[in-house]
Each structure stands twice: as C-alpha cells, then as structure tokens.
Protein backbone atom coordinates (compact mmCIF):
# COMPACT_ATOMS: atom_id res chain seq x y z
CA MET A 1 311.28 70.80 125.41
CA SER A 2 314.02 69.31 123.22
CA LYS A 3 313.46 69.18 119.50
CA MET A 4 311.77 65.97 118.34
CA ARG A 5 312.96 63.82 115.52
CA ARG A 6 310.52 63.60 112.60
CA SER A 7 309.54 60.01 113.44
CA GLU A 8 308.72 61.01 117.03
CA ARG A 9 306.80 64.07 115.87
CA ILE A 10 304.69 62.05 113.42
CA VAL A 11 303.76 59.56 116.14
CA ARG A 12 302.79 62.37 118.52
CA LEU A 13 300.83 64.22 115.83
CA THR A 14 298.93 61.06 114.92
CA GLN A 15 298.03 60.48 118.56
CA ILE A 16 296.76 64.05 118.96
CA LEU A 17 294.61 63.80 115.83
CA LEU A 18 293.13 60.39 116.65
CA GLU A 19 292.18 61.53 120.15
CA GLN A 20 290.21 64.53 118.85
CA PRO A 21 288.26 63.58 115.71
CA HIS A 22 286.39 66.37 113.90
CA ARG A 23 288.03 69.04 116.03
CA VAL A 24 289.95 71.72 114.13
CA LEU A 25 293.41 71.93 115.67
CA SER A 26 295.52 75.04 115.25
CA LEU A 27 298.80 74.51 113.41
CA THR A 28 300.32 77.38 115.35
CA GLU A 29 299.45 75.83 118.70
CA MET A 30 300.68 72.40 117.65
CA ALA A 31 303.91 73.89 116.31
CA ASP A 32 304.52 75.57 119.68
CA LYS A 33 303.61 72.40 121.57
CA LEU A 34 305.95 70.24 119.51
CA SER A 35 308.68 72.88 119.18
CA SER A 36 308.56 72.62 115.42
CA ALA A 37 308.16 74.92 112.43
CA LYS A 38 304.72 75.05 110.81
CA SER A 39 306.28 74.11 107.47
CA SER A 40 307.66 70.91 109.01
CA LEU A 41 304.29 70.11 110.55
CA SER A 42 302.59 70.56 107.19
CA GLU A 43 304.95 68.01 105.66
CA ASP A 44 304.31 65.60 108.54
CA LEU A 45 300.55 65.99 108.19
CA ALA A 46 300.76 65.23 104.48
CA ILE A 47 302.51 61.94 105.30
CA ILE A 48 299.92 61.08 107.96
CA ARG A 49 297.04 61.88 105.59
CA ASP A 50 298.49 59.68 102.83
CA VAL A 51 298.91 56.74 105.22
CA MET A 52 295.41 57.16 106.70
CA GLU A 53 293.80 57.22 103.27
CA ALA A 54 295.87 54.27 102.04
CA GLU A 55 294.93 52.21 105.09
CA GLY A 56 291.27 53.26 104.94
CA LEU A 57 291.29 54.96 108.33
CA GLY A 58 289.85 58.31 107.26
CA THR A 59 291.54 61.51 106.17
CA LEU A 60 292.81 64.89 107.30
CA GLU A 61 291.17 68.14 106.25
CA THR A 62 293.16 71.36 106.38
CA GLN A 63 291.97 74.93 106.69
CA ALA A 64 293.91 77.71 105.03
CA GLY A 65 294.42 81.17 106.43
CA ALA A 66 296.57 82.98 108.94
CA ALA A 67 295.57 80.74 111.82
CA GLY A 68 295.43 77.55 109.79
CA GLY A 69 294.16 74.28 111.14
CA VAL A 70 293.67 70.58 110.54
CA ARG A 71 291.10 68.04 111.65
CA TYR A 72 290.93 64.26 111.56
CA VAL A 73 287.81 62.90 109.84
CA PRO A 74 287.32 59.21 110.74
CA GLY A 75 286.30 56.85 107.99
CA LEU A 76 286.50 53.28 106.80
CA ARG A 77 287.35 52.21 103.27
CA ASP A 78 284.39 50.54 101.54
CA ASP A 79 286.10 47.19 101.10
CA LEU A 80 287.01 47.08 104.79
CA ALA A 81 283.45 48.03 105.77
CA GLU A 82 282.00 45.35 103.49
CA GLN A 83 284.32 42.72 104.97
CA PHE A 84 283.32 43.78 108.48
CA LEU A 85 279.63 43.41 107.63
CA GLN A 86 280.21 39.98 106.10
CA ASP A 87 282.05 38.88 109.26
CA VAL A 88 279.19 40.14 111.46
CA VAL A 89 276.63 38.36 109.29
CA GLN A 90 278.56 35.10 109.52
CA VAL A 91 278.91 35.26 113.30
CA LEU A 92 275.23 36.04 113.88
CA SER A 93 273.77 33.58 111.33
CA THR A 94 273.72 30.53 113.58
CA GLY A 95 270.65 28.74 114.89
CA ASP A 96 271.93 28.49 118.45
CA ARG A 97 271.44 32.26 118.75
CA ILE A 98 267.64 31.92 118.60
CA LEU A 99 266.09 32.57 122.00
CA PRO A 100 262.59 31.58 123.18
CA GLY A 101 260.01 34.05 121.97
CA GLY A 102 261.71 34.67 118.64
CA PHE A 103 264.60 36.82 119.84
CA LEU A 104 268.16 36.77 118.50
CA TYR A 105 271.07 36.75 120.95
CA MET A 106 273.52 39.54 120.02
CA SER A 107 274.89 40.69 123.39
CA ASP A 108 278.24 38.97 122.94
CA VAL A 109 278.82 40.62 119.55
CA LEU A 110 277.69 44.03 120.81
CA GLY A 111 280.06 43.61 123.73
CA ARG A 112 283.16 43.24 121.57
CA PRO A 113 285.28 46.41 121.51
CA ASP A 114 286.47 45.74 117.94
CA VAL A 115 282.89 45.41 116.64
CA LEU A 116 281.71 48.51 118.50
CA ASP A 117 284.71 50.53 117.34
CA THR A 118 284.22 49.67 113.67
CA ALA A 119 280.43 50.07 113.78
CA GLY A 120 280.78 53.43 115.52
CA LYS A 121 283.29 54.57 112.92
CA MET A 122 280.94 53.52 110.11
CA PHE A 123 278.00 55.46 111.53
CA ALA A 124 280.21 58.48 112.20
CA SER A 125 281.49 58.33 108.63
CA ARG A 126 277.97 58.03 107.20
CA TYR A 127 276.70 61.03 109.19
CA ARG A 128 279.89 63.11 109.18
CA ASP A 129 278.23 65.98 107.29
CA SER A 130 274.88 65.81 109.09
CA GLY A 131 275.78 68.46 111.64
CA ALA A 132 274.88 66.14 114.52
CA GLU A 133 275.69 67.76 117.86
CA TYR A 134 274.55 64.87 120.07
CA VAL A 135 274.12 61.12 119.76
CA VAL A 136 270.92 59.87 121.40
CA THR A 137 270.03 56.30 122.37
CA VAL A 138 267.67 54.48 124.71
CA GLU A 139 268.88 52.28 127.54
CA THR A 140 270.38 49.75 127.65
CA LYS A 141 271.85 47.63 124.84
CA GLY A 142 272.30 50.52 122.44
CA ILE A 143 274.52 52.49 124.83
CA PRO A 144 277.94 51.00 123.88
CA LEU A 145 277.23 51.49 120.16
CA ALA A 146 276.09 55.07 120.77
CA VAL A 147 279.24 55.77 122.80
CA ALA A 148 281.43 54.47 119.95
CA THR A 149 279.57 56.62 117.42
CA ALA A 150 279.76 59.70 119.63
CA LYS A 151 283.48 59.11 120.09
CA TYR A 152 284.17 59.31 116.35
CA LEU A 153 281.84 62.27 115.86
CA ASN A 154 283.41 63.88 118.94
CA VAL A 155 280.02 64.89 120.35
CA PRO A 156 278.23 64.13 123.66
CA MET A 157 276.00 61.08 124.06
CA VAL A 158 272.57 61.26 125.71
CA VAL A 159 270.71 58.25 127.15
CA VAL A 160 266.91 58.19 127.20
CA ARG A 161 265.63 56.25 130.22
CA ARG A 162 262.86 53.69 130.39
CA ASP A 163 261.70 55.36 133.59
CA HIS A 164 262.38 58.68 135.25
CA LYS A 165 265.23 58.97 137.77
CA VAL A 166 264.73 61.50 140.54
CA THR A 167 268.45 62.33 140.41
CA GLU A 168 268.02 63.81 136.92
CA GLY A 169 265.55 66.53 137.86
CA SER A 170 262.43 67.38 135.88
CA ALA A 171 261.91 65.33 132.74
CA VAL A 172 259.75 64.85 129.67
CA SER A 173 258.10 61.42 129.42
CA ILE A 174 256.09 59.83 126.62
CA ASN A 175 254.30 56.52 126.11
CA TYR A 176 254.81 54.50 122.94
CA VAL A 177 254.03 51.13 121.37
CA SER A 178 257.12 48.92 121.12
CA GLY A 179 257.82 46.33 118.44
CA SER A 180 256.33 43.69 120.74
CA ARG A 181 253.10 45.75 120.77
CA ARG A 182 253.47 46.65 124.43
CA ILE A 183 252.88 50.12 125.84
CA GLN A 184 256.16 51.42 127.23
CA THR A 185 257.49 54.69 128.59
CA MET A 186 260.65 56.65 127.88
CA SER A 187 261.90 59.68 129.74
CA LEU A 188 264.59 62.32 129.30
CA SER A 189 265.79 65.01 131.67
CA ARG A 190 264.99 68.54 130.52
CA ARG A 191 268.65 69.43 131.10
CA SER A 192 269.95 66.81 128.68
CA LEU A 193 269.50 68.65 125.39
CA PRO A 194 269.49 72.34 124.45
CA GLU A 195 266.73 73.45 122.10
CA LYS A 196 267.40 73.87 118.37
CA THR A 197 270.24 71.35 118.33
CA LYS A 198 270.74 68.40 115.96
CA VAL A 199 270.85 64.79 117.10
CA LEU A 200 271.67 61.40 115.62
CA ILE A 201 269.66 58.45 116.98
CA ILE A 202 271.57 55.18 117.40
CA ASP A 203 270.11 51.85 118.58
CA ASP A 204 271.03 48.18 118.51
CA PHE A 205 267.90 46.63 116.97
CA MET A 206 264.81 47.72 115.05
CA LYS A 207 261.79 45.63 114.14
CA ALA A 208 258.72 47.76 113.49
CA GLY A 209 260.52 50.98 114.38
CA GLY A 210 258.39 51.83 117.41
CA THR A 211 261.34 52.74 119.62
CA ALA A 212 263.03 54.85 116.94
CA LYS A 213 259.77 56.69 116.23
CA ALA A 214 259.25 57.29 119.94
CA LEU A 215 262.76 58.71 120.23
CA ALA A 216 262.06 61.03 117.30
CA ASP A 217 258.76 62.09 118.90
CA LEU A 218 260.55 62.76 122.19
CA MET A 219 263.14 64.88 120.37
CA ARG A 220 260.34 67.04 118.97
CA GLU A 221 259.28 67.78 122.55
CA PHE A 222 262.75 69.28 123.00
CA GLN A 223 262.49 71.18 119.67
CA VAL A 224 265.47 69.18 118.45
CA ASP A 225 266.15 68.18 114.84
CA VAL A 226 266.80 64.47 114.16
CA VAL A 227 269.39 64.27 111.37
CA GLY A 228 269.46 60.48 111.09
CA VAL A 229 268.70 57.09 112.61
CA GLY A 230 271.28 54.30 112.68
CA VAL A 231 270.69 50.75 113.93
CA PHE A 232 273.02 47.80 114.19
CA MET A 233 270.36 45.39 112.94
CA SER A 234 266.89 45.74 111.46
CA THR A 235 264.37 43.12 110.36
CA VAL A 236 262.97 42.73 106.87
CA ASP A 237 259.46 42.33 108.33
CA PRO A 238 257.36 44.30 108.79
CA GLU A 239 258.22 46.02 105.54
CA ASP A 240 256.38 49.21 106.52
CA LYS A 241 258.33 50.60 109.46
CA MET A 242 257.05 53.32 111.75
CA ILE A 243 260.06 55.36 110.67
CA GLU A 244 261.01 55.73 107.01
CA GLN A 245 264.61 56.93 106.89
CA TYR A 246 267.22 54.83 108.69
CA VAL A 247 270.55 53.10 108.12
CA SER A 248 271.18 49.54 109.29
CA LEU A 249 274.41 47.57 109.27
CA ALA A 250 272.68 44.18 109.07
CA THR A 251 269.19 42.92 108.19
CA LEU A 252 267.51 39.87 109.71
CA THR A 253 265.57 38.30 106.83
CA GLU A 254 264.51 34.98 108.39
CA MET A 255 264.42 33.36 111.82
CA ASN A 256 262.63 30.02 112.27
CA GLU A 257 262.51 28.63 115.80
CA ALA A 258 261.33 25.21 114.61
CA THR A 259 264.13 24.63 112.10
CA ARG A 260 266.70 26.78 113.96
CA GLN A 261 267.30 28.66 110.73
CA VAL A 262 268.69 32.21 110.81
CA THR A 263 269.32 34.27 107.69
CA ILE A 264 271.04 37.64 107.93
CA GLN A 265 272.40 39.87 105.19
CA PRO A 266 274.20 43.23 105.09
CA GLY A 267 271.82 46.10 105.81
CA THR A 268 271.11 49.39 104.09
CA TYR A 269 274.47 51.04 104.84
CA PHE A 270 275.58 50.83 101.20
CA ALA A 271 272.09 51.13 99.72
C-alpha cells in the first residue's frame, strides 16, 4: 500500500473511529494498516480529537503503554442537545397530533434518521460509563431508537416480544399491567441474554411506567442488572411512576382532546 498523505490518513482514521465507537483500537495495528509511523498517527489523532470536541461530536480517549490504543466516545455538546430537544418539542406540540383515545402521534418523528441518530447519541452519552453490555427494548416502536443507542454504545440490541415466537426456542414470559391498565404479556428467548450482564432499557414512550417496570422484572428473571432506563417521551401524570429512575428526552405535560391543546417540554435529560 502506497504511503498516504496526511489529509487522506486523517479522513481514513476518522472513518475507522466513527464506525467503531467505544472500541479500543490498537495504534500498532492502525499504523500497519495505514503504513504510517505511530508518532504520525498520534499527531493525526490529536487533530481529530480537537475537531470532534470543538464540533461537539464526542472525544477520543487514549490508552498509554506498549500496545497503546484509542477509542472514540460519542457525545453531543450541551447546547446542541438543548437545541435538538427544543426542535423536537416544537414539532410535537401541535394539536393535529392528538389521536382518538388520548394518544399522541409520534411515528413520523421517530422514523426520521436524524432524530433517531441524535437521540441515540444522547442516550449513549448519558450512559457511557454505566457498563451496559446490551440495549433492551420491547417491540415495536422503540426498536429504531434502541438500535441507534446500541450503535453508539457499540453493544448488541435485544427485542422483547409481545408474544412468544416458536423460532426463538424456549422463552421466559411474564404478565404485566400496561399504562392503559390492560393485562399484557412480554416474552424473551432464554438465549437472548447471558446471566450477570448489564443492560440499558430504551423505549419510545412512558406513561405510568408499567412497560419499563415489566422489562426490569423480566431482566431479573435472567439475573441481569438494569443500569438505566431511557425513554424518548414521558408524561407528567401520573406523578408516581411504577419505576423511579429514568431519563426522558421530552415530557408531555398537557393534552386536551376538546381544545386540541398539546404542551410538551424538555424532559429529565439535563435534570
């Protein structure tokens, strides 16, 4: 392989780092791959780190020692995160989103790649030091958000089913009371999670917290530690949730079907 110019090397290094967040990459291996001296790579990485931090995209963490290594830690500068939340609040705070039965239409927003990417990066940044080894969600609307979060944590994503699929082998199933006060079932294949691991629960919406609590209860059946719960939107009522510790990006404070009034504010992310 011919020797790269510095500009080419920086572009290639940036691509490698962005594709493998939270993974420690060996400087020796990258130097061999890019046909470059480790000292040159170190200078390149310093430039990349400075730009990432200036643009609010995260940072690079280096490991000293004979082997040496570097990893990309995704993040989002606070002012950019706050602007994102304000934009989400503005888009969702319209009366025409109210559906019969007191539901809020969010599928279009949760289907936007830019929204999912930023939200996933925010959750990954918030729980970067939690030790999460898996991201867990329940089908179906929370799946894209969980995938985005798992991407930036660089861990697998596990989907809990509403009913058992024969193609997934033996499973653990539990019944729970949903926010609409209905008895529902969730099921997870016994092969999905190893015991004694740590998981982060991600979902799209939380009212009373019944689904989040059921997910946490199901995780206990697998002897798994829940290190956090993140939801795209929560409601202000009921105030006493079935689960105490959670992080929300937005909070629905009022929704009146008669007046078509919707009031949403940034959630607990910065609380």
